[in-house]
């Protein structure tokens, strides 16, 4: 009997380890009335998404510092070289590095502390496309993050760039906006970050906006990122 119990427990442990090591499936959907060029790093690269199209990405367990975003106004040649008006990642279709601000970001790290996934939508690098980032049905009670407001239409003139809306840090590069240097340990919201927070309350509006902007799900959860939800 003891050996049978041990065998069952060992089998359950193996199953749990296998589940924890499974890749997460991210479904990226373009619901915008225009074409976007979706980007994903460090896994996925990038591809064109016409209106209504979807892209499925398998992201390995343990992936960290990951981002998904939309690029707009792109033109690429047959070799995948070109440029984008917003979100450009070094002039290539298949990104290997982060995009240029301003761009709305879906950020995540999988299988982290307490075997949880951590995810958010960030406007720290500004806004170019409305976005939602939610767990797929089942397995997680988090409601996800939604930033569906037309931020660009209400953007302060000094933050406007390329048909999008920058945040204050990329524009002014001052410590109090970037939460670095003299403001690293005493960084708080500013009038600019409050502008973004008012329109998208669940999204990061400045680098220290963790308390209201970081969400978790159990490791192994699948996710859905929608442009123009």
Foldseek 3Di string as FASTA:
>chain_A
DVVVVVVVVVVVVVVVVVLLFFWAKEKEFEQDQAKWWKAKPPFDFIGIHGHGDIDITTGTAFDFFMKIWTFAQWDADPVQATATLFQTQHRGSGHNDGGQDDTWIWHWGALDVVQKIKIFIACLRFYDFWKWKAWDPDQWPDGGFGQQDPLLVVEDPQQDGSSTGGAPCVRPVDCQQQCDDPNVPPHDDDPRLVSSCVRGVQHHSGDVPPPRHMDITHGNIYMYMYTND
